[in-house]
Amino acid sequence: VQPGGSLRLSCAASGIIFRNFVMAWYRQTPGKEREP
């Protein structure tokens, strides 16, 4: 995507009682720790 643009990510879960869980997105770039 170009700078200034938008993107929508989706995560589909299975095998869990979804409504009980905290859900989160993290990201990671090479050489860096995964960040919330």
Full PDB file with SEQRES, HELIX, SHEET, SSBOND, CRYST1, ORIGX, SCALE, CONECT and MASTER records, all heavy atoms in Angstrom:
SEQRES   1 A   36  VAL GLN PRO GLY GLY SER LEU ARG LEU SER CYS ALA ALA          
SEQRES   2 A   36  SER GLY ILE ILE PHE ARG ASN PHE VAL MET ALA TRP TYR          
SEQRES   3 A   36  ARG GLN THR PRO GLY LYS GLU ARG GLU PRO                      
HELIX    1 AA1 PHE A   18  ASN A   20  5                                   3    
CRYST1    1.000    1.000    1.000  90.00  90.00  90.00 P 1           1          
ORIGX1      1.000000  0.000000  0.000000        0.00000                         
ORIGX2      0.000000  1.000000  0.000000        0.00000                         
ORIGX3      0.000000  0.000000  1.000000        0.00000                         
SCALE1      1.000000  0.000000  0.000000        0.00000                         
SCALE2      0.000000  1.000000  0.000000        0.00000                         
SCALE3      0.000000  0.000000  1.000000        0.00000                         
ATOM      1  N   VAL A   1       0.854  -1.184   0.000  1.00  0.00           N  
ATOM      2  CA  VAL A   1       0.000   0.000   0.000  1.00  0.00           C  
ATOM      3  C   VAL A   1       0.893   1.238   0.000  1.00  0.00           C  
ATOM      4  O   VAL A   1       1.999   1.207   0.554  1.00  0.00           O  
ATOM      5  CB  VAL A   1      -0.948  -0.012   1.217  1.00  0.00           C  
ATOM      6  CG1 VAL A   1      -0.169   0.013   2.520  1.00  0.00           C  
ATOM      7  CG2 VAL A   1      -1.953   1.117   1.165  1.00  0.00           C  
ATOM      8  N   GLN A   2       0.421   2.297  -0.606  1.00  0.00           N  
ATOM      9  CA  GLN A   2       1.187   3.533  -0.651  1.00  0.00           C  
ATOM     10  C   GLN A   2       1.079   4.287   0.674  1.00  0.00           C  
ATOM     11  O   GLN A   2       0.086   4.137   1.404  1.00  0.00           O  
ATOM     12  CB  GLN A   2       0.682   4.414  -1.790  1.00  0.00           C  
ATOM     13  CG  GLN A   2       0.977   3.865  -3.162  1.00  0.00           C  
ATOM     14  CD  GLN A   2       0.637   4.850  -4.267  1.00  0.00           C  
ATOM     15  OE1 GLN A   2      -0.083   5.820  -4.039  1.00  0.00           O  
ATOM     16  NE2 GLN A   2       1.170   4.614  -5.454  1.00  0.00           N  
ATOM     17  N   PRO A   3       2.075   5.097   0.979  1.00  0.00           N  
ATOM     18  CA  PRO A   3       1.976   5.927   2.191  1.00  0.00           C  
ATOM     19  C   PRO A   3       0.710   6.770   2.172  1.00  0.00           C  
ATOM     20  O   PRO A   3       0.333   7.327   1.131  1.00  0.00           O  
ATOM     21  CB  PRO A   3       3.228   6.807   2.103  1.00  0.00           C  
ATOM     22  CG  PRO A   3       4.199   5.985   1.325  1.00  0.00           C  
ATOM     23  CD  PRO A   3       3.370   5.236   0.309  1.00  0.00           C  
ATOM     24  N   GLY A   4       0.057   6.838   3.336  1.00  0.00           N  
ATOM     25  CA  GLY A   4      -1.208   7.544   3.439  1.00  0.00           C  
ATOM     26  C   GLY A   4      -2.419   6.681   3.145  1.00  0.00           C  
ATOM     27  O   GLY A   4      -3.554   7.106   3.378  1.00  0.00           O  
ATOM     28  N   GLY A   5      -2.183   5.502   2.650  1.00  0.00           N  
ATOM     29  CA  GLY A   5      -3.271   4.605   2.306  1.00  0.00           C  
ATOM     30  C   GLY A   5      -3.799   3.814   3.481  1.00  0.00           C  
ATOM     31  O   GLY A   5      -3.359   4.000   4.628  1.00  0.00           O  
ATOM     32  N   SER A   6      -4.749   2.930   3.190  1.00  0.00           N  
ATOM     33  CA  SER A   6      -5.402   2.122   4.219  1.00  0.00           C  
ATOM     34  C   SER A   6      -5.341   0.645   3.852  1.00  0.00           C  
ATOM     35  O   SER A   6      -5.244   0.290   2.671  1.00  0.00           O  
ATOM     36  CB  SER A   6      -6.869   2.542   4.373  1.00  0.00           C  
ATOM     37  OG  SER A   6      -6.974   3.882   4.795  1.00  0.00           O  
ATOM     38  N   LEU A   7      -5.427  -0.156   4.894  1.00  0.00           N  
ATOM     39  CA  LEU A   7      -5.440  -1.602   4.716  1.00  0.00           C  
ATOM     40  C   LEU A   7      -6.225  -2.195   5.878  1.00  0.00           C  
ATOM     41  O   LEU A   7      -6.172  -1.668   7.003  1.00  0.00           O  
ATOM     42  CB  LEU A   7      -4.014  -2.147   4.708  1.00  0.00           C  
ATOM     43  CG  LEU A   7      -3.676  -3.382   3.896  1.00  0.00           C  
ATOM     44  CD1 LEU A   7      -4.028  -3.186   2.412  1.00  0.00           C  
ATOM     45  CD2 LEU A   7      -2.187  -3.705   4.030  1.00  0.00           C  
ATOM     46  N   ARG A   8      -6.922  -3.273   5.602  1.00  0.00           N  
ATOM     47  CA  ARG A   8      -7.678  -3.946   6.659  1.00  0.00           C  
ATOM     48  C   ARG A   8      -7.202  -5.385   6.765  1.00  0.00           C  
ATOM     49  O   ARG A   8      -7.297  -6.168   5.804  1.00  0.00           O  
ATOM     50  CB  ARG A   8      -9.180  -3.908   6.374  1.00  0.00           C  
ATOM     51  CG  ARG A   8     -10.045  -4.400   7.538  1.00  0.00           C  
ATOM     52  CD  ARG A   8     -11.522  -4.237   7.222  1.00  0.00           C  
ATOM     53  NE  ARG A   8     -12.386  -4.604   8.342  1.00  0.00           N  
ATOM     54  CZ  ARG A   8     -12.776  -3.747   9.282  1.00  0.00           C  
ATOM     55  NH1 ARG A   8     -12.390  -2.484   9.233  1.00  0.00           N  
ATOM     56  NH2 ARG A   8     -13.576  -4.157  10.262  1.00  0.00           N  
ATOM     57  N   LEU A   9      -6.704  -5.737   7.920  1.00  0.00           N  
ATOM     58  CA  LEU A   9      -6.285  -7.102   8.194  1.00  0.00           C  
ATOM     59  C   LEU A   9      -7.398  -7.844   8.913  1.00  0.00           C  
ATOM     60  O   LEU A   9      -8.163  -7.240   9.676  1.00  0.00           O  
ATOM     61  CB  LEU A   9      -5.024  -7.121   9.059  1.00  0.00           C  
ATOM     62  CG  LEU A   9      -3.818  -6.335   8.560  1.00  0.00           C  
ATOM     63  CD1 LEU A   9      -2.643  -6.519   9.516  1.00  0.00           C  
ATOM     64  CD2 LEU A   9      -3.437  -6.746   7.167  1.00  0.00           C  
ATOM     65  N   SER A  10      -7.453  -9.141   8.674  1.00  0.00           N  
ATOM     66  CA  SER A  10      -8.429  -9.970   9.359  1.00  0.00           C  
ATOM     67  C   SER A  10      -7.752 -11.230   9.877  1.00  0.00           C  
ATOM     68  O   SER A  10      -6.808 -11.738   9.264  1.00  0.00           O  
ATOM     69  CB  SER A  10      -9.576 -10.333   8.428  1.00  0.00           C  
ATOM     70  OG  SER A  10     -10.602 -11.006   9.119  1.00  0.00           O  
ATOM     71  N   CYS A  11      -8.229 -11.705  11.005  1.00  0.00           N  
ATOM     72  CA  CYS A  11      -7.718 -12.942  11.595  1.00  0.00           C  
ATOM     73  C   CYS A  11      -8.908 -13.827  11.915  1.00  0.00           C  
ATOM     74  O   CYS A  11      -9.803 -13.424  12.676  1.00  0.00           O  
ATOM     75  CB  CYS A  11      -6.917 -12.638  12.845  1.00  0.00           C  
ATOM     76  SG  CYS A  11      -6.442 -14.083  13.810  1.00  0.00           S  
ATOM     77  N   ALA A  12      -8.911 -15.018  11.338  1.00  0.00           N  
ATOM     78  CA  ALA A  12      -9.984 -15.982  11.581  1.00  0.00           C  
ATOM     79  C   ALA A  12      -9.482 -17.039  12.553  1.00  0.00           C  
ATOM     80  O   ALA A  12      -8.441 -17.658  12.316  1.00  0.00           O  
ATOM     81  CB  ALA A  12     -10.425 -16.614  10.276  1.00  0.00           C  
ATOM     82  N   ALA A  13     -10.214 -17.226  13.625  1.00  0.00           N  
ATOM     83  CA  ALA A  13      -9.819 -18.179  14.662  1.00  0.00           C  
ATOM     84  C   ALA A  13     -10.711 -19.408  14.631  1.00  0.00           C  
ATOM     85  O   ALA A  13     -11.915 -19.316  14.365  1.00  0.00           O  
ATOM     86  CB  ALA A  13      -9.899 -17.523  16.037  1.00  0.00           C  
ATOM     87  N   SER A  14     -10.105 -20.544  14.910  1.00  0.00           N  
ATOM     88  CA  SER A  14     -10.858 -21.788  15.035  1.00  0.00           C  
ATOM     89  C   SER A  14     -10.210 -22.638  16.117  1.00  0.00           C  
ATOM     90  O   SER A  14      -9.028 -22.487  16.428  1.00  0.00           O  
ATOM     91  CB  SER A  14     -10.907 -22.535  13.706  1.00  0.00           C  
ATOM     92  OG  SER A  14      -9.611 -22.855  13.265  1.00  0.00           O  
ATOM     93  N   GLY A  15     -11.015 -23.523  16.697  1.00  0.00           N  
ATOM     94  CA  GLY A  15     -10.489 -24.428  17.715  1.00  0.00           C  
ATOM     95  C   GLY A  15     -10.468 -23.844  19.112  1.00  0.00           C  
ATOM     96  O   GLY A  15      -9.909 -24.469  20.021  1.00  0.00           O  
ATOM     97  N   ILE A  16     -11.023 -22.654  19.292  1.00  0.00           N  
ATOM     98  CA  ILE A  16     -11.086 -22.034  20.612  1.00  0.00           C  
ATOM     99  C   ILE A  16     -12.493 -21.518  20.873  1.00  0.00           C  
ATOM    100  O   ILE A  16     -13.279 -21.348  19.938  1.00  0.00           O  
ATOM    101  CB  ILE A  16     -10.096 -20.847  20.742  1.00  0.00           C  
ATOM    102  CG1 ILE A  16     -10.411 -19.756  19.709  1.00  0.00           C  
ATOM    103  CG2 ILE A  16      -8.657 -21.323  20.648  1.00  0.00           C  
ATOM    104  CD1 ILE A  16      -9.629 -18.479  19.896  1.00  0.00           C  
ATOM    105  N   ILE A  17     -12.789 -21.290  22.165  1.00  0.00           N  
ATOM    106  CA  ILE A  17     -14.035 -20.601  22.511  1.00  0.00           C  
ATOM    107  C   ILE A  17     -13.723 -19.117  22.400  1.00  0.00           C  
ATOM    108  O   ILE A  17     -13.276 -18.465  23.348  1.00  0.00           O  
ATOM    109  CB  ILE A  17     -14.502 -20.979  23.917  1.00  0.00           C  
ATOM    110  CG1 ILE A  17     -14.691 -22.494  24.007  1.00  0.00           C  
ATOM    111  CG2 ILE A  17     -15.820 -20.266  24.249  1.00  0.00           C  
ATOM    112  CD1 ILE A  17     -15.048 -22.996  25.383  1.00  0.00           C  
ATOM    113  N   PHE A  18     -13.929 -18.598  21.212  1.00  0.00           N  
ATOM    114  CA  PHE A  18     -13.435 -17.286  20.818  1.00  0.00           C  
ATOM    115  C   PHE A  18     -13.840 -16.192  21.794  1.00  0.00           C  
ATOM    116  O   PHE A  18     -13.029 -15.330  22.130  1.00  0.00           O  
ATOM    117  CB  PHE A  18     -13.945 -16.962  19.412  1.00  0.00           C  
ATOM    118  CG  PHE A  18     -13.427 -15.680  18.839  1.00  0.00           C  
ATOM    119  CD1 PHE A  18     -12.187 -15.635  18.212  1.00  0.00           C  
ATOM    120  CD2 PHE A  18     -14.186 -14.519  18.905  1.00  0.00           C  
ATOM    121  CE1 PHE A  18     -11.705 -14.454  17.677  1.00  0.00           C  
ATOM    122  CE2 PHE A  18     -13.718 -13.327  18.378  1.00  0.00           C  
ATOM    123  CZ  PHE A  18     -12.471 -13.302  17.757  1.00  0.00           C  
ATOM    124  N   ARG A  19     -15.073 -16.215  22.258  1.00  0.00           N  
ATOM    125  CA  ARG A  19     -15.580 -15.096  23.048  1.00  0.00           C  
ATOM    126  C   ARG A  19     -14.836 -14.956  24.385  1.00  0.00           C  
ATOM    127  O   ARG A  19     -14.907 -13.906  25.016  1.00  0.00           O  
ATOM    128  CB  ARG A  19     -17.066 -15.267  23.313  1.00  0.00           C  
ATOM    129  CG  ARG A  19     -17.426 -16.483  24.137  1.00  0.00           C  
ATOM    130  CD  ARG A  19     -18.923 -16.612  24.347  1.00  0.00           C  
ATOM    131  NE  ARG A  19     -19.264 -17.768  25.157  1.00  0.00           N  
ATOM    132  CZ  ARG A  19     -19.444 -18.979  24.666  1.00  0.00           C  
ATOM    133  NH1 ARG A  19     -19.309 -19.191  23.379  1.00  0.00           N  
ATOM    134  NH2 ARG A  19     -19.747 -19.978  25.473  1.00  0.00           N  
ATOM    135  N   ASN A  20     -14.139 -15.992  24.808  1.00  0.00           N  
ATOM    136  CA  ASN A  20     -13.413 -15.938  26.073  1.00  0.00           C  
ATOM    137  C   ASN A  20     -12.052 -15.279  25.959  1.00  0.00           C  
ATOM    138  O   ASN A  20     -11.484 -14.820  26.953  1.00  0.00           O  
ATOM    139  CB  ASN A  20     -13.207 -17.344  26.635  1.00  0.00           C  
ATOM    140  CG  ASN A  20     -14.486 -17.975  27.102  1.00  0.00           C  
ATOM    141  OD1 ASN A  20     -15.495 -17.301  27.313  1.00  0.00           O  
ATOM    142  ND2 ASN A  20     -14.461 -19.288  27.273  1.00  0.00           N  
ATOM    143  N   PHE A  21     -11.526 -15.244  24.747  1.00  0.00           N  
ATOM    144  CA  PHE A  21     -10.125 -14.882  24.565  1.00  0.00           C  
ATOM    145  C   PHE A  21      -9.919 -13.393  24.333  1.00  0.00           C  
ATOM    146  O   PHE A  21     -10.725 -12.725  23.675  1.00  0.00           O  
ATOM    147  CB  PHE A  21      -9.541 -15.632  23.364  1.00  0.00           C  
ATOM    148  CG  PHE A  21      -9.135 -17.042  23.671  1.00  0.00           C  
ATOM    149  CD1 PHE A  21     -10.092 -18.010  23.911  1.00  0.00           C  
ATOM    150  CD2 PHE A  21      -7.792 -17.394  23.718  1.00  0.00           C  
ATOM    151  CE1 PHE A  21      -9.722 -19.306  24.205  1.00  0.00           C  
ATOM    152  CE2 PHE A  21      -7.417 -18.689  24.005  1.00  0.00           C  
ATOM    153  CZ  PHE A  21      -8.386 -19.645  24.251  1.00  0.00           C  
ATOM    154  N   VAL A  22      -8.812 -12.897  24.861  1.00  0.00           N  
ATOM    155  CA  VAL A  22      -8.303 -11.601  24.451  1.00  0.00           C  
ATOM    156  C   VAL A  22      -7.666 -11.786  23.082  1.00  0.00           C  
ATOM    157  O   VAL A  22      -6.932 -12.747  22.846  1.00  0.00           O  
ATOM    158  CB  VAL A  22      -7.255 -11.066  25.439  1.00  0.00           C  
ATOM    159  CG1 VAL A  22      -6.687  -9.740  24.947  1.00  0.00           C  
ATOM    160  CG2 VAL A  22      -7.844 -10.927  26.827  1.00  0.00           C  
ATOM    161  N   MET A  23      -7.961 -10.874  22.181  1.00  0.00           N  
ATOM    162  CA  MET A  23      -7.405 -10.927  20.830  1.00  0.00           C  
ATOM    163  C   MET A  23      -6.488  -9.729  20.622  1.00  0.00           C  
ATOM    164  O   MET A  23      -6.767  -8.623  21.109  1.00  0.00           O  
ATOM    165  CB  MET A  23      -8.517 -10.917  19.786  1.00  0.00           C  
ATOM    166  CG  MET A  23      -9.529 -12.038  19.915  1.00  0.00           C  
ATOM    167  SD  MET A  23      -8.776 -13.680  19.756  1.00  0.00           S  
ATOM    168  CE  MET A  23      -8.091 -13.609  18.106  1.00  0.00           C  
ATOM    169  N   ALA A  24      -5.407  -9.967  19.897  1.00  0.00           N  
ATOM    170  CA  ALA A  24      -4.440  -8.887  19.725  1.00  0.00           C  
ATOM    171  C   ALA A  24      -3.724  -9.002  18.393  1.00  0.00           C  
ATOM    172  O   ALA A  24      -3.643 -10.075  17.803  1.00  0.00           O  
ATOM    173  CB  ALA A  24      -3.422  -8.904  20.865  1.00  0.00           C  
ATOM    174  N   TRP A  25      -3.225  -7.867  17.957  1.00  0.00           N  
ATOM    175  CA  TRP A  25      -2.337  -7.808  16.793  1.00  0.00           C  
ATOM    176  C   TRP A  25      -0.967  -7.320  17.268  1.00  0.00           C  
ATOM    177  O   TRP A  25      -0.863  -6.391  18.069  1.00  0.00           O  
ATOM    178  CB  TRP A  25      -2.885  -6.846  15.745  1.00  0.00           C  
ATOM    179  CG  TRP A  25      -4.066  -7.370  15.004  1.00  0.00           C  
ATOM    180  CD1 TRP A  25      -5.382  -7.164  15.291  1.00  0.00           C  
ATOM    181  CD2 TRP A  25      -4.032  -8.198  13.840  1.00  0.00           C  
ATOM    182  NE1 TRP A  25      -6.172  -7.815  14.383  1.00  0.00           N  
ATOM    183  CE2 TRP A  25      -5.375  -8.455  13.472  1.00  0.00           C  
ATOM    184  CE3 TRP A  25      -3.017  -8.749  13.060  1.00  0.00           C  
ATOM    185  CZ2 TRP A  25      -5.715  -9.241  12.372  1.00  0.00           C  
ATOM    186  CZ3 TRP A  25      -3.350  -9.522  11.970  1.00  0.00           C  
ATOM    187  CH2 TRP A  25      -4.692  -9.764  11.635  1.00  0.00           C  
ATOM    188  N   TYR A  26       0.055  -7.971  16.729  1.00  0.00           N  
ATOM    189  CA  TYR A  26       1.435  -7.586  16.955  1.00  0.00           C  
ATOM    190  C   TYR A  26       2.095  -7.399  15.596  1.00  0.00           C  
ATOM    191  O   TYR A  26       1.554  -7.833  14.569  1.00  0.00           O  
ATOM    192  CB  TYR A  26       2.186  -8.669  17.735  1.00  0.00           C  
ATOM    193  CG  TYR A  26       1.866  -8.735  19.197  1.00  0.00           C  
ATOM    194  CD1 TYR A  26       0.612  -9.129  19.650  1.00  0.00           C  
ATOM    195  CD2 TYR A  26       2.830  -8.415  20.154  1.00  0.00           C  
ATOM    196  CE1 TYR A  26       0.325  -9.185  21.003  1.00  0.00           C  
ATOM    197  CE2 TYR A  26       2.560  -8.478  21.511  1.00  0.00           C  
ATOM    198  CZ  TYR A  26       1.303  -8.868  21.926  1.00  0.00           C  
ATOM    199  OH  TYR A  26       1.024  -8.924  23.268  1.00  0.00           O  
ATOM    200  N   ARG A  27       3.274  -6.786  15.607  1.00  0.00           N  
ATOM    201  CA  ARG A  27       4.035  -6.689  14.363  1.00  0.00           C  
ATOM    202  C   ARG A  27       5.517  -6.812  14.656  1.00  0.00           C  
ATOM    203  O   ARG A  27       5.973  -6.551  15.764  1.00  0.00           O  
ATOM    204  CB  ARG A  27       3.731  -5.385  13.642  1.00  0.00           C  
ATOM    205  CG  ARG A  27       4.239  -4.123  14.327  1.00  0.00           C  
ATOM    206  CD  ARG A  27       3.764  -2.882  13.570  1.00  0.00           C  
ATOM    207  NE  ARG A  27       4.363  -1.663  14.112  1.00  0.00           N  
ATOM    208  CZ  ARG A  27       4.009  -0.435  13.725  1.00  0.00           C  
ATOM    209  NH1 ARG A  27       3.057  -0.271  12.790  1.00  0.00           N  
ATOM    210  NH2 ARG A  27       4.587   0.617  14.268  1.00  0.00           N  
ATOM    211  N   GLN A  28       6.235  -7.201  13.607  1.00  0.00           N  
ATOM    212  CA  GLN A  28       7.666  -7.401  13.770  1.00  0.00           C  
ATOM    213  C   GLN A  28       8.385  -7.084  12.472  1.00  0.00           C  
ATOM    214  O   GLN A  28       7.933  -7.469  11.385  1.00  0.00           O  
ATOM    215  CB  GLN A  28       7.957  -8.846  14.180  1.00  0.00           C  
ATOM    216  CG  GLN A  28       9.392  -9.104  14.577  1.00  0.00           C  
ATOM    217  CD  GLN A  28       9.567 -10.482  15.186  1.00  0.00           C  
ATOM    218  OE1 GLN A  28       8.783 -11.401  14.950  1.00  0.00           O  
ATOM    219  NE2 GLN A  28      10.613 -10.635  15.993  1.00  0.00           N  
ATOM    220  N   THR A  29       9.506  -6.389  12.614  1.00  0.00           N  
ATOM    221  CA  THR A  29      10.394  -6.134  11.477  1.00  0.00           C  
ATOM    222  C   THR A  29      11.723  -6.825  11.753  1.00  0.00           C  
ATOM    223  O   THR A  29      12.060  -7.097  12.907  1.00  0.00           O  
ATOM    224  CB  THR A  29      10.611  -4.631  11.273  1.00  0.00           C  
ATOM    225  OG1 THR A  29      11.079  -4.051  12.501  1.00  0.00           O  
ATOM    226  CG2 THR A  29       9.315  -3.942  10.871  1.00  0.00           C  
ATOM    227  N   PRO A  30      12.492  -7.103  10.714  1.00  0.00           N  
ATOM    228  CA  PRO A  30      13.763  -7.818  10.898  1.00  0.00           C  
ATOM    229  C   PRO A  30      14.681  -7.106  11.892  1.00  0.00           C  
ATOM    230  O   PRO A  30      14.865  -5.892  11.818  1.00  0.00           O  
ATOM    231  CB  PRO A  30      14.359  -7.831   9.497  1.00  0.00           C  
ATOM    232  CG  PRO A  30      13.188  -7.774   8.588  1.00  0.00           C  
ATOM    233  CD  PRO A  30      12.199  -6.895   9.281  1.00  0.00           C  
ATOM    234  N   GLY A  31      15.212  -7.876  12.821  1.00  0.00           N  
ATOM    235  CA  GLY A  31      16.145  -7.333  13.794  1.00  0.00           C  
ATOM    236  C   GLY A  31      15.509  -6.661  14.986  1.00  0.00           C  
ATOM    237  O   GLY A  31      16.219  -6.172  15.871  1.00  0.00           O  
ATOM    238  N   LYS A  32      14.189  -6.622  14.994  1.00  0.00           N  
ATOM    239  CA  LYS A  32      13.490  -5.978  16.116  1.00  0.00           C  
ATOM    240  C   LYS A  32      12.582  -6.977  16.823  1.00  0.00           C  
ATOM    241  O   LYS A  32      12.175  -7.987  16.243  1.00  0.00           O  
ATOM    242  CB  LYS A  32      12.668  -4.788  15.623  1.00  0.00           C  
ATOM    243  CG  LYS A  32      13.502  -3.631  15.112  1.00  0.00           C  
ATOM    244  CD  LYS A  32      12.627  -2.421  14.829  1.00  0.00           C  
ATOM    245  CE  LYS A  32      13.454  -1.225  14.400  1.00  0.00           C  
ATOM    246  NZ  LYS A  32      12.607  -0.029  14.149  1.00  0.00           N  
ATOM    247  N   GLU A  33      12.265  -6.672  18.062  1.00  0.00           N  
ATOM    248  CA  GLU A  33      11.341  -7.518  18.804  1.00  0.00           C  
ATOM    249  C   GLU A  33       9.907  -7.299  18.312  1.00  0.00           C  
ATOM    250  O   GLU A  33       9.570  -6.228  17.820  1.00  0.00           O  
ATOM    251  CB  GLU A  33      11.432  -7.197  20.304  1.00  0.00           C  
ATOM    252  CG  GLU A  33      12.735  -7.607  20.947  1.00  0.00           C  
ATOM    253  CD  GLU A  33      12.692  -7.502  22.455  1.00  0.00           C  
ATOM    254  OE1 GLU A  33      11.663  -7.069  22.993  1.00  0.00           O  
ATOM    255  OE2 GLU A  33      13.698  -7.857  23.089  1.00  0.00           O  
ATOM    256  N   ARG A  34       9.128  -8.319  18.505  1.00  0.00           N  
ATOM    257  CA  ARG A  34       7.714  -8.215  18.164  1.00  0.00           C  
ATOM    258  C   ARG A  34       7.061  -7.199  19.111  1.00  0.00           C  
ATOM    259  O   ARG A  34       7.279  -7.259  20.332  1.00  0.00           O  
ATOM    260  CB  ARG A  34       7.053  -9.585  18.291  1.00  0.00           C  
ATOM    261  CG  ARG A  34       5.735  -9.730  17.600  1.00  0.00           C  
ATOM    262  CD  ARG A  34       5.303 -11.189  17.572  1.00  0.00           C  
ATOM    263  NE  ARG A  34       6.156 -12.004  16.716  1.00  0.00           N  
ATOM    264  CZ  ARG A  34       5.880 -13.270  16.402  1.00  0.00           C  
ATOM    265  NH1 ARG A  34       4.801 -13.857  16.896  1.00  0.00           N  
ATOM    266  NH2 ARG A  34       6.708 -13.944  15.629  1.00  0.00           N  
ATOM    267  N   GLU A  35       6.284  -6.287  18.554  1.00  0.00           N  
ATOM    268  CA  GLU A  35       5.674  -5.249  19.391  1.00  0.00           C  
ATOM    269  C   GLU A  35       4.152  -5.312  19.294  1.00  0.00           C  
ATOM    270  O   GLU A  35       3.597  -5.644  18.241  1.00  0.00           O  
ATOM    271  CB  GLU A  35       6.161  -3.853  18.976  1.00  0.00           C  
ATOM    272  CG  GLU A  35       5.751  -3.421  17.598  1.00  0.00           C  
ATOM    273  CD  GLU A  35       6.039  -1.952  17.329  1.00  0.00           C  
ATOM    274  OE1 GLU A  35       6.207  -1.166  18.294  1.00  0.00           O  
ATOM    275  OE2 GLU A  35       6.073  -1.591  16.136  1.00  0.00           O  
ATOM    276  N   PRO A  36       3.473  -4.984  20.387  1.00  0.00           N  
ATOM    277  CA  PRO A  36       2.012  -4.975  20.362  1.00  0.00           C  
ATOM    278  C   PRO A  36       1.484  -3.803  19.538  1.00  0.00           C  
ATOM    279  O   PRO A  36       2.006  -2.693  19.609  1.00  0.00           O  
ATOM    280  CB  PRO A  36       1.620  -4.832  21.832  1.00  0.00           C  
ATOM    281  CG  PRO A  36       2.806  -4.219  22.487  1.00  0.00           C  
ATOM    282  CD  PRO A  36       4.002  -4.668  21.727  1.00  0.00           C  
TER     283      PRO A  36                                                      
MASTER        0    0    0    1    0    0    0    6  282    1    0    3          
END                                                                             
